[in-house]
N, C-alpha and C. Protein backbone atom coordinates (compact mmCIF):
# COMPACT_ATOMS: atom_id res chain seq x y z
N MET A 1 6.52 10.00 13.12
CA MET A 1 5.37 9.40 12.47
C MET A 1 5.25 9.96 11.05
N ALA A 2 5.02 9.08 10.10
CA ALA A 2 4.88 9.46 8.69
C ALA A 2 3.44 9.90 8.41
N LYS A 3 3.27 10.68 7.38
CA LYS A 3 1.95 11.11 6.95
C LYS A 3 1.70 10.55 5.56
N ILE A 4 0.52 9.96 5.36
CA ILE A 4 0.17 9.44 4.04
C ILE A 4 -0.49 10.55 3.23
N ILE A 5 0.05 10.78 2.04
CA ILE A 5 -0.48 11.78 1.12
C ILE A 5 -1.15 11.02 -0.03
N TYR A 6 -2.45 11.20 -0.18
CA TYR A 6 -3.21 10.48 -1.21
C TYR A 6 -3.38 11.34 -2.46
N THR A 7 -2.96 10.79 -3.60
CA THR A 7 -3.16 11.49 -4.88
C THR A 7 -4.53 11.11 -5.44
N GLU A 8 -5.02 11.93 -6.34
CA GLU A 8 -6.32 11.64 -6.98
C GLU A 8 -6.29 10.28 -7.69
N SER A 9 -5.20 10.00 -8.39
CA SER A 9 -5.12 8.73 -9.13
C SER A 9 -5.14 7.54 -8.18
N TYR A 10 -4.46 7.66 -7.03
CA TYR A 10 -4.48 6.55 -6.07
C TYR A 10 -5.87 6.38 -5.47
N ILE A 11 -6.53 7.47 -5.13
CA ILE A 11 -7.87 7.39 -4.55
C ILE A 11 -8.81 6.67 -5.51
N LYS A 12 -8.72 6.98 -6.80
CA LYS A 12 -9.56 6.29 -7.81
C LYS A 12 -9.27 4.79 -7.82
N ARG A 13 -7.98 4.43 -7.84
CA ARG A 13 -7.60 3.01 -7.87
C ARG A 13 -8.07 2.29 -6.60
N ALA A 14 -7.87 2.93 -5.46
CA ALA A 14 -8.25 2.31 -4.19
C ALA A 14 -9.76 2.12 -4.10
N ARG A 15 -10.53 3.13 -4.50
CA ARG A 15 -12.00 3.01 -4.47
C ARG A 15 -12.47 1.85 -5.36
N LYS A 16 -11.89 1.77 -6.54
CA LYS A 16 -12.27 0.70 -7.47
C LYS A 16 -11.92 -0.66 -6.88
N PHE A 17 -10.71 -0.78 -6.34
CA PHE A 17 -10.26 -2.06 -5.80
C PHE A 17 -11.11 -2.48 -4.60
N ILE A 18 -11.34 -1.56 -3.66
CA ILE A 18 -12.14 -1.87 -2.48
C ILE A 18 -13.59 -2.16 -2.89
N GLY A 19 -14.08 -1.48 -3.90
CA GLY A 19 -15.43 -1.77 -4.41
C GLY A 19 -15.55 -3.20 -4.92
N GLN A 20 -14.48 -3.70 -5.52
CA GLN A 20 -14.47 -5.07 -6.03
C GLN A 20 -14.19 -6.09 -4.94
N HIS A 21 -13.57 -5.65 -3.83
CA HIS A 21 -13.17 -6.54 -2.74
C HIS A 21 -13.54 -5.94 -1.39
N PRO A 22 -14.83 -5.71 -1.13
CA PRO A 22 -15.24 -5.05 0.12
C PRO A 22 -14.88 -5.84 1.38
N GLU A 23 -14.64 -7.13 1.25
CA GLU A 23 -14.33 -7.96 2.40
C GLU A 23 -12.98 -7.62 3.04
N ILE A 24 -12.14 -6.89 2.35
CA ILE A 24 -10.83 -6.55 2.93
C ILE A 24 -10.76 -5.12 3.45
N LEU A 25 -11.86 -4.40 3.42
CA LEU A 25 -11.86 -2.99 3.82
C LEU A 25 -11.28 -2.78 5.22
N SER A 26 -11.69 -3.56 6.19
CA SER A 26 -11.19 -3.35 7.55
C SER A 26 -9.69 -3.64 7.64
N GLN A 27 -9.21 -4.66 6.94
CA GLN A 27 -7.78 -4.96 6.92
C GLN A 27 -7.01 -3.83 6.25
N TYR A 28 -7.56 -3.29 5.18
CA TYR A 28 -6.94 -2.19 4.45
C TYR A 28 -6.81 -0.96 5.35
N GLU A 29 -7.88 -0.61 6.03
CA GLU A 29 -7.85 0.56 6.92
C GLU A 29 -6.85 0.37 8.05
N LYS A 30 -6.82 -0.83 8.63
CA LYS A 30 -5.88 -1.14 9.70
C LYS A 30 -4.44 -1.02 9.20
N MET A 31 -4.19 -1.53 8.00
CA MET A 31 -2.85 -1.47 7.42
C MET A 31 -2.41 -0.02 7.22
N LEU A 32 -3.32 0.85 6.74
CA LEU A 32 -2.97 2.26 6.53
C LEU A 32 -2.61 2.95 7.84
N LYS A 33 -3.37 2.68 8.89
CA LYS A 33 -3.07 3.27 10.20
C LYS A 33 -1.70 2.82 10.70
N LEU A 34 -1.44 1.53 10.56
CA LEU A 34 -0.16 0.99 10.99
C LEU A 34 0.99 1.55 10.16
N LEU A 35 0.76 1.72 8.87
CA LEU A 35 1.78 2.28 7.98
C LEU A 35 2.16 3.69 8.42
N GLU A 36 1.18 4.48 8.83
CA GLU A 36 1.47 5.83 9.31
C GLU A 36 2.22 5.81 10.63
N LEU A 37 1.81 4.93 11.53
CA LEU A 37 2.43 4.86 12.85
C LEU A 37 3.83 4.27 12.83
N ASN A 38 3.99 3.19 12.04
CA ASN A 38 5.27 2.49 12.03
C ASN A 38 5.46 1.74 10.71
N PRO A 39 5.98 2.40 9.69
CA PRO A 39 6.16 1.74 8.38
C PRO A 39 7.02 0.48 8.44
N SER A 40 7.83 0.35 9.46
CA SER A 40 8.71 -0.82 9.57
C SER A 40 8.10 -1.97 10.36
N HIS A 41 6.84 -1.85 10.73
CA HIS A 41 6.21 -2.92 11.51
C HIS A 41 6.27 -4.23 10.72
N PRO A 42 6.69 -5.33 11.36
CA PRO A 42 6.86 -6.62 10.66
C PRO A 42 5.61 -7.14 9.95
N SER A 43 4.44 -6.86 10.48
CA SER A 43 3.23 -7.39 9.85
C SER A 43 2.94 -6.75 8.49
N LEU A 44 3.55 -5.61 8.22
CA LEU A 44 3.37 -4.95 6.91
C LEU A 44 4.22 -5.60 5.82
N ARG A 45 5.26 -6.31 6.21
CA ARG A 45 6.17 -6.95 5.26
C ARG A 45 6.70 -5.93 4.23
N LEU A 46 7.14 -4.79 4.75
CA LEU A 46 7.70 -3.73 3.91
C LEU A 46 8.93 -4.23 3.17
N HIS A 47 8.98 -3.97 1.87
CA HIS A 47 10.18 -4.31 1.11
C HIS A 47 10.33 -3.37 -0.08
N LYS A 48 11.57 -3.14 -0.44
CA LYS A 48 11.89 -2.31 -1.60
C LYS A 48 11.75 -3.16 -2.85
N LEU A 49 11.21 -2.55 -3.89
CA LEU A 49 11.01 -3.28 -5.14
C LEU A 49 12.26 -3.23 -5.99
N LYS A 50 12.27 -4.05 -7.03
CA LYS A 50 13.43 -4.16 -7.92
C LYS A 50 13.02 -3.87 -9.35
N GLY A 51 14.00 -3.79 -10.21
CA GLY A 51 13.74 -3.59 -11.63
C GLY A 51 13.19 -2.21 -11.92
N ARG A 52 12.20 -2.16 -12.80
CA ARG A 52 11.64 -0.87 -13.22
C ARG A 52 10.92 -0.13 -12.09
N LEU A 53 10.62 -0.84 -10.99
CA LEU A 53 9.94 -0.23 -9.84
C LEU A 53 10.89 0.00 -8.67
N GLU A 54 12.18 0.05 -8.94
CA GLU A 54 13.18 0.09 -7.88
C GLU A 54 13.10 1.31 -6.96
N LYS A 55 12.40 2.35 -7.35
CA LYS A 55 12.28 3.52 -6.49
C LYS A 55 11.08 3.41 -5.54
N LEU A 56 10.33 2.31 -5.64
CA LEU A 56 9.12 2.13 -4.85
C LEU A 56 9.30 1.08 -3.76
N TYR A 57 8.40 1.11 -2.79
CA TYR A 57 8.33 0.12 -1.74
C TYR A 57 6.96 -0.53 -1.81
N SER A 58 6.82 -1.65 -1.13
CA SER A 58 5.54 -2.34 -1.12
C SER A 58 5.26 -2.89 0.27
N VAL A 59 3.98 -2.94 0.63
CA VAL A 59 3.53 -3.59 1.85
C VAL A 59 2.33 -4.44 1.48
N SER A 60 2.05 -5.43 2.30
CA SER A 60 0.91 -6.30 2.05
C SER A 60 -0.21 -6.00 3.02
N VAL A 61 -1.43 -6.06 2.50
CA VAL A 61 -2.61 -5.88 3.34
C VAL A 61 -2.90 -7.18 4.07
N ASN A 62 -2.82 -8.29 3.36
CA ASN A 62 -2.96 -9.61 4.00
C ASN A 62 -2.22 -10.66 3.18
N ILE A 63 -1.87 -11.75 3.82
CA ILE A 63 -1.07 -12.78 3.16
C ILE A 63 -1.89 -13.59 2.16
N SER A 64 -3.06 -14.01 2.56
CA SER A 64 -3.83 -14.90 1.70
C SER A 64 -4.24 -14.22 0.40
N TYR A 65 -4.45 -12.94 0.42
CA TYR A 65 -4.89 -12.23 -0.78
C TYR A 65 -3.74 -11.59 -1.52
N MET A 66 -2.60 -11.44 -0.90
CA MET A 66 -1.40 -10.81 -1.47
C MET A 66 -1.72 -9.48 -2.15
N ILE A 67 -2.44 -8.63 -1.46
CA ILE A 67 -2.71 -7.29 -1.97
C ILE A 67 -1.53 -6.42 -1.58
N CYS A 68 -1.04 -5.69 -2.53
CA CYS A 68 0.15 -4.87 -2.27
C CYS A 68 -0.14 -3.41 -2.56
N ILE A 69 0.51 -2.56 -1.82
CA ILE A 69 0.44 -1.13 -2.08
C ILE A 69 1.86 -0.67 -2.34
N ASP A 70 2.04 -0.03 -3.46
CA ASP A 70 3.34 0.52 -3.80
C ASP A 70 3.34 1.98 -3.41
N PHE A 71 4.45 2.45 -2.89
CA PHE A 71 4.51 3.84 -2.48
C PHE A 71 5.94 4.34 -2.51
N VAL A 72 6.06 5.65 -2.50
CA VAL A 72 7.37 6.28 -2.37
C VAL A 72 7.43 6.94 -1.00
N ILE A 73 8.62 7.01 -0.44
CA ILE A 73 8.82 7.66 0.85
C ILE A 73 9.67 8.90 0.61
N GLU A 74 9.13 10.05 0.94
CA GLU A 74 9.85 11.31 0.81
C GLU A 74 9.84 11.96 2.19
N GLU A 75 10.99 12.02 2.82
CA GLU A 75 11.13 12.56 4.17
C GLU A 75 10.15 11.86 5.10
N ASP A 76 9.14 12.57 5.60
CA ASP A 76 8.18 11.95 6.50
C ASP A 76 6.83 11.72 5.84
N LYS A 77 6.83 11.64 4.49
CA LYS A 77 5.60 11.43 3.74
C LYS A 77 5.62 10.08 3.04
N ILE A 78 4.47 9.44 3.00
CA ILE A 78 4.29 8.20 2.24
C ILE A 78 3.23 8.51 1.18
N ILE A 79 3.58 8.27 -0.06
CA ILE A 79 2.66 8.58 -1.16
C ILE A 79 2.29 7.28 -1.87
N PRO A 80 1.09 6.75 -1.61
CA PRO A 80 0.68 5.51 -2.28
C PRO A 80 0.56 5.72 -3.79
N ILE A 81 0.96 4.70 -4.54
CA ILE A 81 0.94 4.78 -6.00
C ILE A 81 -0.10 3.84 -6.60
N ASP A 82 -0.17 2.62 -6.11
CA ASP A 82 -1.04 1.60 -6.72
C ASP A 82 -1.49 0.60 -5.66
N ILE A 83 -2.59 -0.06 -5.93
CA ILE A 83 -3.10 -1.11 -5.06
C ILE A 83 -3.67 -2.21 -5.95
N GLY A 84 -3.48 -3.45 -5.57
CA GLY A 84 -4.04 -4.55 -6.34
C GLY A 84 -3.43 -5.87 -5.93
N LYS A 85 -3.88 -6.92 -6.59
CA LYS A 85 -3.29 -8.23 -6.37
C LYS A 85 -1.84 -8.17 -6.82
N HIS A 86 -1.00 -8.97 -6.22
CA HIS A 86 0.43 -8.96 -6.49
C HIS A 86 0.72 -8.96 -7.99
N ASP A 87 0.17 -9.91 -8.72
CA ASP A 87 0.47 -10.03 -10.14
C ASP A 87 -0.09 -8.87 -10.97
N ASP A 88 -1.16 -8.25 -10.50
CA ASP A 88 -1.74 -7.12 -11.23
C ASP A 88 -0.92 -5.85 -11.05
N VAL A 89 -0.37 -5.66 -9.86
CA VAL A 89 0.42 -4.46 -9.57
C VAL A 89 1.76 -4.52 -10.27
N TYR A 90 2.37 -5.72 -10.32
CA TYR A 90 3.70 -5.85 -10.91
C TYR A 90 3.61 -6.31 -12.33
């Protein structure tokens, strides 16, 4: 099982984003739990990014909103980097 390590900068971004979109809070929390338990779960739609973000991975909180979280995986740690709408994050 992986452990999510939250940085101060990510916590600020996540608080701001969830404050603007409180309707997705329960989906966001569920996604984080699932990410810790099984990062490869199909509903997360885990994929490696390309280009300037090629060292990062992304998962989606939900399909209709296309909210993505970028993170790095180091051994058994997941470190979230950013959260936002698909076009805003990339």
